[in-house]
Amino acid sequence: MMALNFETAKHKKMLMERTKNCTVKLGDVSALYPKHSVVWVTVGKKFEPKHKLYTAIIDKVRVKTMGTLTSEDLEHQDPGINTREDLVADFEHMHKRHVTMEDTVTVIYFSEIHEDLES
């Protein structure tokens, strides 16, 4: 089973509140997350234990540049991010490196899988 892991407390909160159903990853990681794959959505820092929040299915995967992200991509990634420039600043802080509008990113949309049928 593959995992979509999130490291920040901000992302954990959004995932738990179900306000985040998309992630933007630096680089082309589309081969790692094929459409219709089932993944665990987890939280935890690198090299530390992870906590599984829920199981999800990958709905859509797009490779773009940072400069071509849409307002929909930004909203589903983080409702508090309004512009691509805000996301670049967020990524620079998170990844501790310079990020440009020409950088390749992979946009991954996912949906939670419920274990039961609601009638």
PDB file of N, CA and C in Angstrom:
ATOM      1  N   MET A   1       0.851  -1.178   0.000  1.00  0.00           N
ATOM      2  CA  MET A   1       0.000   0.000   0.000  1.00  0.00           C
ATOM      3  C   MET A   1       0.897   1.241   0.000  1.00  0.00           C
ATOM      4  N   MET A   2       0.545   2.192  -0.820  1.00  0.00           N
ATOM      5  CA  MET A   2       1.285   3.456  -0.891  1.00  0.00           C
ATOM      6  C   MET A   2       0.692   4.438   0.115  1.00  0.00           C
ATOM      7  N   ALA A   3       1.448   5.479   0.405  1.00  0.00           N
ATOM      8  CA  ALA A   3       0.972   6.513   1.316  1.00  0.00           C
ATOM      9  C   ALA A   3       1.185   7.886   0.703  1.00  0.00           C
ATOM     10  N   LEU A   4       0.256   8.774   0.996  1.00  0.00           N
ATOM     11  CA  LEU A   4       0.431  10.206   0.774  1.00  0.00           C
ATOM     12  C   LEU A   4       0.692  10.749   2.165  1.00  0.00           C
ATOM     13  N   ASN A   5       1.929  11.148   2.419  1.00  0.00           N
ATOM     14  CA  ASN A   5       2.285  11.603   3.761  1.00  0.00           C
ATOM     15  C   ASN A   5       2.390  13.124   3.799  1.00  0.00           C
ATOM     16  N   PHE A   6       1.929  13.685   4.911  1.00  0.00           N
ATOM     17  CA  PHE A   6       1.961  15.125   5.137  1.00  0.00           C
ATOM     18  C   PHE A   6       2.700  15.370   6.436  1.00  0.00           C
ATOM     19  N   GLU A   7       3.613  16.345   6.430  1.00  0.00           N
ATOM     20  CA  GLU A   7       4.498  16.547   7.572  1.00  0.00           C
ATOM     21  C   GLU A   7       4.109  17.689   8.486  1.00  0.00           C
ATOM     22  N   THR A   8       3.370  18.669   8.014  1.00  0.00           N
ATOM     23  CA  THR A   8       3.116  19.848   8.833  1.00  0.00           C
ATOM     24  C   THR A   8       1.823  19.727   9.642  1.00  0.00           C
ATOM     25  N   ALA A   9       1.805  20.392  10.786  1.00  0.00           N
ATOM     26  CA  ALA A   9       0.615  20.418  11.645  1.00  0.00           C
ATOM     27  C   ALA A   9      -0.551  21.072  10.912  1.00  0.00           C
ATOM     28  N   LYS A  10      -0.237  22.072  10.080  1.00  0.00           N
ATOM     29  CA  LYS A  10      -1.276  22.765   9.307  1.00  0.00           C
ATOM     30  C   LYS A  10      -1.986  21.784   8.374  1.00  0.00           C
ATOM     31  N   HIS A  11      -1.215  20.949   7.683  1.00  0.00           N
ATOM     32  CA  HIS A  11      -1.819  19.980   6.772  1.00  0.00           C
ATOM     33  C   HIS A  11      -2.593  18.914   7.542  1.00  0.00           C
ATOM     34  N   LYS A  12      -2.061  18.482   8.675  1.00  0.00           N
ATOM     35  CA  LYS A  12      -2.774  17.494   9.494  1.00  0.00           C
ATOM     36  C   LYS A  12      -4.147  18.026   9.876  1.00  0.00           C
ATOM     37  N   LYS A  13      -4.202  19.284  10.308  1.00  0.00           N
ATOM     38  CA  LYS A  13      -5.482  19.889  10.707  1.00  0.00           C
ATOM     39  C   LYS A  13      -6.457  19.925   9.532  1.00  0.00           C
ATOM     40  N   MET A  14      -5.984  20.347   8.360  1.00  0.00           N
ATOM     41  CA  MET A  14      -6.856  20.418   7.183  1.00  0.00           C
ATOM     42  C   MET A  14      -7.342  19.026   6.777  1.00  0.00           C
ATOM     43  N   LEU A  15      -6.463  18.033   6.846  1.00  0.00           N
ATOM     44  CA  LEU A  15      -6.855  16.664   6.493  1.00  0.00           C
ATOM     45  C   LEU A  15      -7.891  16.125   7.467  1.00  0.00           C
ATOM     46  N   MET A  16      -7.706  16.396   8.733  1.00  0.00           N
ATOM     47  CA  MET A  16      -8.648  15.912   9.742  1.00  0.00           C
ATOM     48  C   MET A  16     -10.004  16.617   9.618  1.00  0.00           C
ATOM     49  N   GLU A  17      -9.991  17.862   9.180  1.00  0.00           N
ATOM     50  CA  GLU A  17     -11.230  18.615   8.966  1.00  0.00           C
ATOM     51  C   GLU A  17     -11.824  18.350   7.585  1.00  0.00           C
ATOM     52  N   ARG A  18     -11.095  17.577   6.768  1.00  0.00           N
ATOM     53  CA  ARG A  18     -11.510  17.222   5.401  1.00  0.00           C
ATOM     54  C   ARG A  18     -11.646  18.451   4.502  1.00  0.00           C
ATOM     55  N   THR A  19     -10.805  19.473   4.730  1.00  0.00           N
ATOM     56  CA  THR A  19     -10.791  20.661   3.867  1.00  0.00           C
ATOM     57  C   THR A  19      -9.665  20.589   2.838  1.00  0.00           C
ATOM     58  N   LYS A  20      -8.873  19.542   2.886  1.00  0.00           N
ATOM     59  CA  LYS A  20      -7.765  19.355   1.943  1.00  0.00           C
ATOM     60  C   LYS A  20      -7.992  18.039   1.216  1.00  0.00           C
ATOM     61  N   ASN A  21      -8.129  18.097  -0.108  1.00  0.00           N
ATOM     62  CA  ASN A  21      -8.279  16.871  -0.895  1.00  0.00           C
ATOM     63  C   ASN A  21      -7.383  16.896  -2.132  1.00  0.00           C
ATOM     64  N   CYS A  22      -6.301  17.647  -2.006  1.00  0.00           N
ATOM     65  CA  CYS A  22      -5.347  17.778  -3.100  1.00  0.00           C
ATOM     66  C   CYS A  22      -3.987  18.066  -2.485  1.00  0.00           C
ATOM     67  N   THR A  23      -2.953  17.568  -3.122  1.00  0.00           N
ATOM     68  CA  THR A  23      -1.611  17.930  -2.700  1.00  0.00           C
ATOM     69  C   THR A  23      -0.792  18.290  -3.928  1.00  0.00           C
ATOM     70  N   VAL A  24       0.079  19.245  -3.756  1.00  0.00           N
ATOM     71  CA  VAL A  24       1.016  19.644  -4.804  1.00  0.00           C
ATOM     72  C   VAL A  24       2.393  19.207  -4.329  1.00  0.00           C
ATOM     73  N   LYS A  25       3.047  18.372  -5.123  1.00  0.00           N
ATOM     74  CA  LYS A  25       4.379  17.867  -4.798  1.00  0.00           C
ATOM     75  C   LYS A  25       5.372  18.450  -5.784  1.00  0.00           C
ATOM     76  N   LEU A  26       6.546  18.838  -5.304  1.00  0.00           N
ATOM     77  CA  LEU A  26       7.600  19.322  -6.205  1.00  0.00           C
ATOM     78  C   LEU A  26       8.103  18.183  -7.072  1.00  0.00           C
ATOM     79  N   GLY A  27       8.339  18.472  -8.339  1.00  0.00           N
ATOM     80  CA  GLY A  27       8.854  17.486  -9.278  1.00  0.00           C
ATOM     81  C   GLY A  27       7.739  16.664  -9.901  1.00  0.00           C
ATOM     82  N   ASP A  28       8.134  15.810 -10.826  1.00  0.00           N
ATOM     83  CA  ASP A  28       7.184  14.909 -11.486  1.00  0.00           C
ATOM     84  C   ASP A  28       7.184  13.584 -10.735  1.00  0.00           C
ATOM     85  N   VAL A  29       6.201  13.404  -9.867  1.00  0.00           N
ATOM     86  CA  VAL A  29       6.063  12.151  -9.118  1.00  0.00           C
ATOM     87  C   VAL A  29       4.824  11.388  -9.577  1.00  0.00           C
ATOM     88  N   SER A  30       4.354  11.704 -10.782  1.00  0.00           N
ATOM     89  CA  SER A  30       3.123  11.097 -11.290  1.00  0.00           C
ATOM     90  C   SER A  30       3.226   9.577 -11.392  1.00  0.00           C
ATOM     91  N   ALA A  31       4.415   9.043 -11.685  1.00  0.00           N
ATOM     92  CA  ALA A  31       4.573   7.586 -11.793  1.00  0.00           C
ATOM     93  C   ALA A  31       4.394   6.898 -10.436  1.00  0.00           C
ATOM     94  N   LEU A  32       4.626   7.625  -9.364  1.00  0.00           N
ATOM     95  CA  LEU A  32       4.471   7.054  -8.019  1.00  0.00           C
ATOM     96  C   LEU A  32       3.023   7.006  -7.563  1.00  0.00           C
ATOM     97  N   TYR A  33       2.167   7.841  -8.150  1.00  0.00           N
ATOM     98  CA  TYR A  33       0.779   7.968  -7.716  1.00  0.00           C
ATOM     99  C   TYR A  33      -0.178   7.878  -8.909  1.00  0.00           C
ATOM    100  N   PRO A  34      -0.327   6.691  -9.501  1.00  0.00           N
ATOM    101  CA  PRO A  34      -1.225   6.565 -10.655  1.00  0.00           C
ATOM    102  C   PRO A  34      -2.693   6.796 -10.272  1.00  0.00           C
ATOM    103  N   LYS A  35      -3.441   7.332 -11.218  1.00  0.00           N
ATOM    104  CA  LYS A  35      -4.875   7.527 -11.039  1.00  0.00           C
ATOM    105  C   LYS A  35      -5.515   6.197 -10.643  1.00  0.00           C
ATOM    106  N   HIS A  36      -6.491   6.246  -9.759  1.00  0.00           N
ATOM    107  CA  HIS A  36      -7.252   5.105  -9.232  1.00  0.00           C
ATOM    108  C   HIS A  36      -6.472   4.265  -8.230  1.00  0.00           C
ATOM    109  N   SER A  37      -5.269   4.690  -7.846  1.00  0.00           N
ATOM    110  CA  SER A  37      -4.524   3.970  -6.809  1.00  0.00           C
ATOM    111  C   SER A  37      -5.180   4.228  -5.458  1.00  0.00           C
ATOM    112  N   VAL A  38      -5.113   3.218  -4.600  1.00  0.00           N
ATOM    113  CA  VAL A  38      -5.589   3.360  -3.235  1.00  0.00           C
ATOM    114  C   VAL A  38      -4.368   3.636  -2.361  1.00  0.00           C
ATOM    115  N   VAL A  39      -4.475   4.671  -1.518  1.00  0.00           N
ATOM    116  CA  VAL A  39      -3.346   5.098  -0.677  1.00  0.00           C
ATOM    117  C   VAL A  39      -3.820   5.328   0.756  1.00  0.00           C
ATOM    118  N   TRP A  40      -2.887   5.245   1.677  1.00  0.00           N
ATOM    119  CA  TRP A  40      -3.137   5.699   3.036  1.00  0.00           C
ATOM    120  C   TRP A  40      -2.774   7.162   3.102  1.00  0.00           C
ATOM    121  N   VAL A  41      -3.606   7.977   3.698  1.00  0.00           N
ATOM    122  CA  VAL A  41      -3.283   9.372   3.977  1.00  0.00           C
ATOM    123  C   VAL A  41      -2.712   9.377   5.385  1.00  0.00           C
ATOM    124  N   THR A  42      -1.436   9.759   5.485  1.00  0.00           N
ATOM    125  CA  THR A  42      -0.726   9.693   6.764  1.00  0.00           C
ATOM    126  C   THR A  42      -0.115  11.047   7.107  1.00  0.00           C
ATOM    127  N   VAL A  43       0.207  11.202   8.382  1.00  0.00           N
ATOM    128  CA  VAL A  43       0.908  12.401   8.841  1.00  0.00           C
ATOM    129  C   VAL A  43       2.086  11.974   9.700  1.00  0.00           C
ATOM    130  N   GLY A  44       3.171  12.718   9.582  1.00  0.00           N
ATOM    131  CA  GLY A  44       4.362  12.443  10.373  1.00  0.00           C
ATOM    132  C   GLY A  44       5.598  12.957   9.672  1.00  0.00           C
ATOM    133  N   LYS A  45       6.560  13.334  10.452  1.00  0.00           N
ATOM    134  CA  LYS A  45       7.824  13.853   9.906  1.00  0.00           C
ATOM    135  C   LYS A  45       8.672  12.717   9.332  1.00  0.00           C
ATOM    136  N   LYS A  46       9.585  13.074   8.434  1.00  0.00           N
ATOM    137  CA  LYS A  46      10.500  12.091   7.846  1.00  0.00           C
ATOM    138  C   LYS A  46      11.255  11.359   8.941  1.00  0.00           C
ATOM    139  N   PHE A  47      11.420  10.065   8.745  1.00  0.00           N
ATOM    140  CA  PHE A  47      12.190   9.198   9.646  1.00  0.00           C
ATOM    141  C   PHE A  47      11.574   9.082  11.038  1.00  0.00           C
ATOM    142  N   GLU A  48      10.299   9.443  11.181  1.00  0.00           N
ATOM    143  CA  GLU A  48       9.586   9.287  12.447  1.00  0.00           C
ATOM    144  C   GLU A  48       8.322   8.466  12.197  1.00  0.00           C
ATOM    145  N   PRO A  49       7.722   7.927  13.257  1.00  0.00           N
ATOM    146  CA  PRO A  49       6.483   7.159  13.072  1.00  0.00           C
ATOM    147  C   PRO A  49       5.405   8.005  12.388  1.00  0.00           C
ATOM    148  N   LYS A  50       4.589   7.350  11.580  1.00  0.00           N
ATOM    149  CA  LYS A  50       3.486   8.008  10.870  1.00  0.00           C
ATOM    150  C   LYS A  50       2.160   7.571  11.494  1.00  0.00           C
ATOM    151  N   HIS A  51       1.148   8.415  11.325  1.00  0.00           N
ATOM    152  CA  HIS A  51      -0.191   8.112  11.808  1.00  0.00           C
ATOM    153  C   HIS A  51      -1.133   8.082  10.611  1.00  0.00           C
ATOM    154  N   LYS A  52      -1.833   6.980  10.432  1.00  0.00           N
ATOM    155  CA  LYS A  52      -2.784   6.844   9.337  1.00  0.00           C
ATOM    156  C   LYS A  52      -4.077   7.555   9.710  1.00  0.00           C
ATOM    157  N   LEU A  53      -4.500   8.495   8.863  1.00  0.00           N
ATOM    158  CA  LEU A  53      -5.750   9.203   9.093  1.00  0.00           C
ATOM    159  C   LEU A  53      -6.917   8.495   8.422  1.00  0.00           C
ATOM    160  N   TYR A  54      -6.711   8.111   7.152  1.00  0.00           N
ATOM    161  CA  TYR A  54      -7.761   7.396   6.424  1.00  0.00           C
ATOM    162  C   TYR A  54      -7.197   6.839   5.122  1.00  0.00           C
ATOM    163  N   THR A  55      -8.010   6.044   4.466  1.00  0.00           N
ATOM    164  CA  THR A  55      -7.661   5.487   3.158  1.00  0.00           C
ATOM    165  C   THR A  55      -8.329   6.357   2.096  1.00  0.00           C
ATOM    166  N   ALA A  56      -7.629   6.566   0.989  1.00  0.00           N
ATOM    167  CA  ALA A  56      -8.159   7.415  -0.083  1.00  0.00           C
ATOM    168  C   ALA A  56      -7.856   6.785  -1.440  1.00  0.00           C
ATOM    169  N   ILE A  57      -8.531   7.297  -2.449  1.00  0.00           N
ATOM    170  CA  ILE A  57      -8.270   6.897  -3.830  1.00  0.00           C
ATOM    171  C   ILE A  57      -7.776   8.129  -4.582  1.00  0.00           C
ATOM    172  N   ILE A  58      -6.802   7.918  -5.455  1.00  0.00           N
ATOM    173  CA  ILE A  58      -6.271   9.002  -6.290  1.00  0.00           C
ATOM    174  C   ILE A  58      -7.262   9.228  -7.435  1.00  0.00           C
ATOM    175  N   ASP A  59      -7.835  10.428  -7.484  1.00  0.00           N
ATOM    176  CA  ASP A  59      -8.833  10.761  -8.499  1.00  0.00           C
ATOM    177  C   ASP A  59      -8.229  11.343  -9.777  1.00  0.00           C
ATOM    178  N   LYS A  60      -7.204  12.164  -9.601  1.00  0.00           N
ATOM    179  CA  LYS A  60      -6.651  12.882 -10.760  1.00  0.00           C
ATOM    180  C   LYS A  60      -5.210  13.232 -10.452  1.00  0.00           C
ATOM    181  N   VAL A  61      -4.338  13.103 -11.460  1.00  0.00           N
ATOM    182  CA  VAL A  61      -2.928  13.446 -11.314  1.00  0.00           C
ATOM    183  C   VAL A  61      -2.537  14.288 -12.532  1.00  0.00           C
ATOM    184  N   ARG A  62      -1.981  15.470 -12.277  1.00  0.00           N
ATOM    185  CA  ARG A  62      -1.560  16.360 -13.358  1.00  0.00           C
ATOM    186  C   ARG A  62      -0.154  16.862 -13.082  1.00  0.00           C
ATOM    187  N   VAL A  63       0.697  16.869 -14.115  1.00  0.00           N
ATOM    188  CA  VAL A  63       2.034  17.444 -14.016  1.00  0.00           C
ATOM    189  C   VAL A  63       1.966  18.813 -14.689  1.00  0.00           C
ATOM    190  N   LYS A  64       2.408  19.840 -13.956  1.00  0.00           N
ATOM    191  CA  LYS A  64       2.336  21.220 -14.420  1.00  0.00           C
ATOM    192  C   LYS A  64       3.602  21.938 -13.978  1.00  0.00           C
ATOM    193  N   THR A  65       3.635  23.227 -14.255  1.00  0.00           N
ATOM    194  CA  THR A  65       4.637  24.079 -13.614  1.00  0.00           C
ATOM    195  C   THR A  65       3.926  24.845 -12.507  1.00  0.00           C
ATOM    196  N   MET A  66       4.680  25.320 -11.554  1.00  0.00           N
ATOM    197  CA  MET A  66       4.104  26.097 -10.455  1.00  0.00           C
ATOM    198  C   MET A  66       3.287  27.264 -11.004  1.00  0.00           C
ATOM    199  N   GLY A  67       3.773  27.870 -12.078  1.00  0.00           N
ATOM    200  CA  GLY A  67       3.101  29.030 -12.664  1.00  0.00           C
ATOM    201  C   GLY A  67       1.793  28.728 -13.356  1.00  0.00           C
ATOM    202  N   THR A  68       1.480  27.457 -13.614  1.00  0.00           N
ATOM    203  CA  THR A  68       0.222  27.116 -14.291  1.00  0.00           C
ATOM    204  C   THR A  68      -0.799  26.492 -13.347  1.00  0.00           C
ATOM    205  N   LEU A  69      -0.513  26.494 -12.053  1.00  0.00           N
ATOM    206  CA  LEU A  69      -1.514  25.997 -11.100  1.00  0.00           C
ATOM    207  C   LEU A  69      -2.754  26.875 -11.164  1.00  0.00           C
ATOM    208  N   THR A  70      -3.920  26.262 -11.082  1.00  0.00           N
ATOM    209  CA  THR A  70      -5.183  26.999 -11.150  1.00  0.00           C
ATOM    210  C   THR A  70      -5.646  27.405  -9.748  1.00  0.00           C
ATOM    211  N   SER A  71      -6.626  28.298  -9.707  1.00  0.00           N
ATOM    212  CA  SER A  71      -7.204  28.681  -8.415  1.00  0.00           C
ATOM    213  C   SER A  71      -7.842  27.468  -7.745  1.00  0.00           C
ATOM    214  N   GLU A  72      -8.389  26.541  -8.524  1.00  0.00           N
ATOM    215  CA  GLU A  72      -8.953  25.303  -7.966  1.00  0.00           C
ATOM    216  C   GLU A  72      -7.851  24.468  -7.306  1.00  0.00           C
ATOM    217  N   ASP A  73      -6.709  24.335  -7.989  1.00  0.00           N
ATOM    218  CA  ASP A  73      -5.590  23.594  -7.407  1.00  0.00           C
ATOM    219  C   ASP A  73      -5.190  24.204  -6.064  1.00  0.00           C
ATOM    220  N   LEU A  74      -5.063  25.525  -6.035  1.00  0.00           N
ATOM    221  CA  LEU A  74      -4.640  26.215  -4.817  1.00  0.00           C
ATOM    222  C   LEU A  74      -5.655  26.031  -3.694  1.00  0.00           C
ATOM    223  N   GLU A  75      -6.933  26.184  -4.018  1.00  0.00           N
ATOM    224  CA  GLU A  75      -7.987  26.071  -3.006  1.00  0.00           C
ATOM    225  C   GLU A  75      -8.041  24.673  -2.395  1.00  0.00           C
ATOM    226  N   HIS A  76      -7.906  23.644  -3.220  1.00  0.00           N
ATOM    227  CA  HIS A  76      -7.978  22.274  -2.714  1.00  0.00           C
ATOM    228  C   HIS A  76      -6.684  21.849  -2.024  1.00  0.00           C
ATOM    229  N   GLN A  77      -5.576  22.480  -2.372  1.00  0.00           N
ATOM    230  CA  GLN A  77      -4.290  22.237  -1.708  1.00  0.00           C
ATOM    231  C   GLN A  77      -4.311  22.832  -0.306  1.00  0.00           C
ATOM    232  N   ASP A  78      -4.769  24.083  -0.216  1.00  0.00           N
ATOM    233  CA  ASP A  78      -4.798  24.787   1.070  1.00  0.00           C
ATOM    234  C   ASP A  78      -5.726  25.984   0.927  1.00  0.00           C
ATOM    235  N   PRO A  79      -6.913  25.935   1.548  1.00  0.00           N
ATOM    236  CA  PRO A  79      -7.862  27.050   1.415  1.00  0.00           C
ATOM    237  C   PRO A  79      -7.296  28.399   1.862  1.00  0.00           C
ATOM    238  N   GLY A  80      -6.216  28.408   2.636  1.00  0.00           N
ATOM    239  CA  GLY A  80      -5.597  29.648   3.092  1.00  0.00           C
ATOM    240  C   GLY A  80      -4.612  30.244   2.103  1.00  0.00           C
ATOM    241  N   ILE A  81      -4.319  29.521   1.032  1.00  0.00           N
ATOM    242  CA  ILE A  81      -3.380  30.003   0.004  1.00  0.00           C
ATOM    243  C   ILE A  81      -4.201  30.556  -1.158  1.00  0.00           C
ATOM    244  N   ASN A  82      -3.994  31.830  -1.467  1.00  0.00           N
ATOM    245  CA  ASN A  82      -4.813  32.472  -2.502  1.00  0.00           C
ATOM    246  C   ASN A  82      -4.096  32.665  -3.834  1.00  0.00           C
ATOM    247  N   THR A  83      -2.758  32.676  -3.807  1.00  0.00           N
ATOM    248  CA  THR A  83      -2.017  32.933  -5.041  1.00  0.00           C
ATOM    249  C   THR A  83      -0.885  31.923  -5.191  1.00  0.00           C
ATOM    250  N   ARG A  84      -0.415  31.801  -6.412  1.00  0.00           N
ATOM    251  CA  ARG A  84       0.743  30.922  -6.662  1.00  0.00           C
ATOM    252  C   ARG A  84       1.964  31.440  -5.898  1.00  0.00           C
ATOM    253  N   GLU A  85       2.077  32.748  -5.783  1.00  0.00           N
ATOM    254  CA  GLU A  85       3.198  33.337  -5.044  1.00  0.00           C
ATOM    255  C   GLU A  85       3.157  32.921  -3.560  1.00  0.00           C
ATOM    256  N   ASP A  86       1.937  32.875  -2.998  1.00  0.00           N
ATOM    257  CA  ASP A  86       1.789  32.408  -1.611  1.00  0.00           C
ATOM    258  C   ASP A  86       2.242  30.957  -1.482  1.00  0.00           C
ATOM    259  N   LEU A  87       1.885  30.137  -2.462  1.00  0.00           N
ATOM    260  CA  LEU A  87       2.275  28.725  -2.421  1.00  0.00           C
ATOM    261  C   LEU A  87       3.786  28.580  -2.575  1.00  0.00           C
ATOM    262  N   VAL A  88       4.390  29.374  -3.450  1.00  0.00           N
ATOM    263  CA  VAL A  88       5.848  29.350  -3.612  1.00  0.00           C
ATOM    264  C   VAL A  88       6.507  29.681  -2.266  1.00  0.00           C
ATOM    265  N   ALA A  89       6.035  30.717  -1.600  1.00  0.00           N
ATOM    266  CA  ALA A  89       6.609  31.099  -0.302  1.00  0.00           C
ATOM    267  C   ALA A  89       6.425  29.975   0.721  1.00  0.00           C
ATOM    268  N   ASP A  90       5.259  29.336   0.713  1.00  0.00           N
ATOM    269  CA  ASP A  90       4.981  28.221   1.615  1.00  0.00           C
ATOM    270  C   ASP A  90       5.936  27.057   1.327  1.00  0.00           C
ATOM    271  N   PHE A  91       6.131  26.745   0.047  1.00  0.00           N
ATOM    272  CA  PHE A  91       7.034  25.657  -0.347  1.00  0.00           C
ATOM    273  C   PHE A  91       8.479  25.974   0.026  1.00  0.00           C
ATOM    274  N   GLU A  92       8.895  27.230  -0.187  1.00  0.00           N
ATOM    275  CA  GLU A  92      10.267  27.605   0.159  1.00  0.00           C
ATOM    276  C   GLU A  92      10.505  27.431   1.654  1.00  0.00           C
ATOM    277  N   HIS A  93       9.522  27.799   2.446  1.00  0.00           N
ATOM    278  CA  HIS A  93       9.640  27.626   3.899  1.00  0.00           C
ATOM    279  C   HIS A  93       9.682  26.137   4.262  1.00  0.00           C
ATOM    280  N   MET A  94       8.793  25.348   3.652  1.00  0.00           N
ATOM    281  CA  MET A  94       8.680  23.920   3.964  1.00  0.00           C
ATOM    282  C   MET A  94       9.899  23.119   3.488  1.00  0.00           C
ATOM    283  N   HIS A  95      10.335  23.390   2.264  1.00  0.00           N
ATOM    284  CA  HIS A  95      11.401  22.591   1.644  1.00  0.00           C
ATOM    285  C   HIS A  95      12.792  23.197   1.812  1.00  0.00           C
ATOM    286  N   LYS A  96      12.845  24.394   2.370  1.00  0.00           N
ATOM    287  CA  LYS A  96      14.136  25.052   2.635  1.00  0.00           C
ATOM    288  C   LYS A  96      14.989  25.177   1.370  1.00  0.00           C
ATOM    289  N   ARG A  97      14.323  25.562   0.266  1.00  0.00           N
ATOM    290  CA  ARG A  97      15.048  25.799  -0.980  1.00  0.00           C
ATOM    291  C   ARG A  97      14.272  26.781  -1.842  1.00  0.00           C
ATOM    292  N   HIS A  98      14.957  27.355  -2.822  1.00  0.00           N
ATOM    293  CA  HIS A  98      14.342  28.316  -3.733  1.00  0.00           C
ATOM    294  C   HIS A  98      13.385  27.578  -4.678  1.00  0.00           C
ATOM    295  N   VAL A  99      12.193  28.116  -4.851  1.00  0.00           N
ATOM    296  CA  VAL A  99      11.185  27.555  -5.755  1.00  0.00           C
ATOM    297  C   VAL A  99      10.774  28.655  -6.721  1.00  0.00           C
ATOM    298  N   THR A 100      10.635  28.305  -8.011  1.00  0.00           N
ATOM    299  CA  THR A 100      10.245  29.292  -9.020  1.00  0.00           C
ATOM    300  C   THR A 100       8.943  28.880  -9.689  1.00  0.00           C
ATOM    301  N   MET A 101       8.382  29.778 -10.451  1.00  0.00           N
ATOM    302  CA  MET A 101       7.157  29.504 -11.209  1.00  0.00           C
ATOM    303  C   MET A 101       7.404  28.481 -12.327  1.00  0.00           C
ATOM    304  N   GLU A 102       8.671  28.270 -12.687  1.00  0.00           N
ATOM    305  CA  GLU A 102       9.004  27.299 -13.737  1.00  0.00           C
ATOM    306  C   GLU A 102       9.222  25.889 -13.186  1.00  0.00           C
ATOM    307  N   ASP A 103       9.272  25.752 -11.858  1.00  0.00           N
ATOM    308  CA  ASP A 103       9.479  24.426 -11.266  1.00  0.00           C
ATOM    309  C   ASP A 103       8.315  23.501 -11.613  1.00  0.00           C
ATOM    310  N   THR A 104       8.648  22.265 -11.931  1.00  0.00           N
ATOM    311  CA  THR A 104       7.647  21.238 -12.203  1.00  0.00           C
ATOM    312  C   THR A 104       7.032  20.783 -10.894  1.00  0.00           C
ATOM    313  N   VAL A 105       5.706  20.621 -10.915  1.00  0.00           N
ATOM    314  CA  VAL A 105       4.983  20.108  -9.753  1.00  0.00           C
ATOM    315  C   VAL A 105       3.995  19.037 -10.225  1.00  0.00           C
ATOM    316  N   THR A 106       3.623  18.168  -9.315  1.00  0.00           N
ATOM    317  CA  THR A 106       2.588  17.178  -9.577  1.00  0.00           C
ATOM    318  C   THR A 106       1.410  17.494  -8.670  1.00  0.00           C
ATOM    319  N   VAL A 107       0.237  17.630  -9.271  1.00  0.00           N
ATOM    320  CA  VAL A 107      -0.990  17.929  -8.542  1.00  0.00           C
ATOM    321  C   VAL A 107      -1.777  16.631  -8.417  1.00  0.00           C
ATOM    322  N   ILE A 108      -2.042  16.219  -7.174  1.00  0.00           N
ATOM    323  CA  ILE A 108      -2.711  14.945  -6.906  1.00  0.00           C
ATOM    324  C   ILE A 108      -4.002  15.220  -6.149  1.00  0.00           C
ATOM    325  N   TYR A 109      -5.136  14.913  -6.780  1.00  0.00           N
ATOM    326  CA  TYR A 109      -6.439  15.020  -6.127  1.00  0.00           C
ATOM    327  C   TYR A 109      -6.805  13.647  -5.588  1.00  0.00           C
ATOM    328  N   PHE A 110      -7.366  13.606  -4.381  1.00  0.00           N
ATOM    329  CA  PHE A 110      -7.725  12.333  -3.761  1.00  0.00           C
ATOM    330  C   PHE A 110      -9.047  12.463  -3.017  1.00  0.00           C
ATOM    331  N   SER A 111      -9.720  11.326  -2.828  1.00  0.00           N
ATOM    332  CA  SER A 111     -10.986  11.274  -2.095  1.00  0.00           C
ATOM    333  C   SER A 111     -10.920  10.186  -1.047  1.00  0.00           C
ATOM    334  N   GLU A 112     -11.459  10.492   0.111  1.00  0.00           N
ATOM    335  CA  GLU A 112     -11.504   9.513   1.198  1.00  0.00           C
ATOM    336  C   GLU A 112     -12.384   8.328   0.808  1.00  0.00           C
ATOM    337  N   ILE A 113     -11.968   7.154   1.201  1.00  0.00           N
ATOM    338  CA  ILE A 113     -12.770   5.940   1.003  1.00  0.00           C
ATOM    339  C   ILE A 113     -13.430   5.613   2.342  1.00  0.00           C
ATOM    340  N   HIS A 114     -14.746   5.554   2.337  1.00  0.00           N
ATOM    341  CA  HIS A 114     -15.482   5.181   3.547  1.00  0.00           C
ATOM    342  C   HIS A 114     -15.616   3.653   3.590  1.00  0.00           C
ATOM    343  N   GLU A 115     -15.465   3.099   4.753  1.00  0.00           N
ATOM    344  CA  GLU A 115     -15.498   1.654   4.935  1.00  0.00           C
ATOM    345  C   GLU A 115     -16.918   1.089   4.903  1.00  0.00           C
ATOM    346  N   ASP A 116     -17.915   1.924   5.169  1.00  0.00           N
ATOM    347  CA  ASP A 116     -19.279   1.420   5.268  1.00  0.00           C
ATOM    348  C   ASP A 116     -20.175   2.085   4.240  1.00  0.00           C
ATOM    349  N   LEU A 117     -21.308   1.468   3.985  1.00  0.00           N
ATOM    350  CA  LEU A 117     -22.312   2.038   3.101  1.00  0.00           C
ATOM    351  C   LEU A 117     -23.314   2.784   3.940  1.00  0.00           C
ATOM    352  N   GLU A 118     -23.542   4.045   3.599  1.00  0.00           N
ATOM    353  CA  GLU A 118     -24.574   4.807   4.304  1.00  0.00           C
ATOM    354  C   GLU A 118     -25.884   4.655   3.555  1.00  0.00           C
ATOM    355  N   SER A 119     -26.927   4.363   4.283  1.00  0.00           N
ATOM    356  CA  SER A 119     -28.250   4.177   3.655  1.00  0.00           C
ATOM    357  C   SER A 119     -29.048   5.445   3.668  1.00  0.00           C
TER     358      SER A 119
END
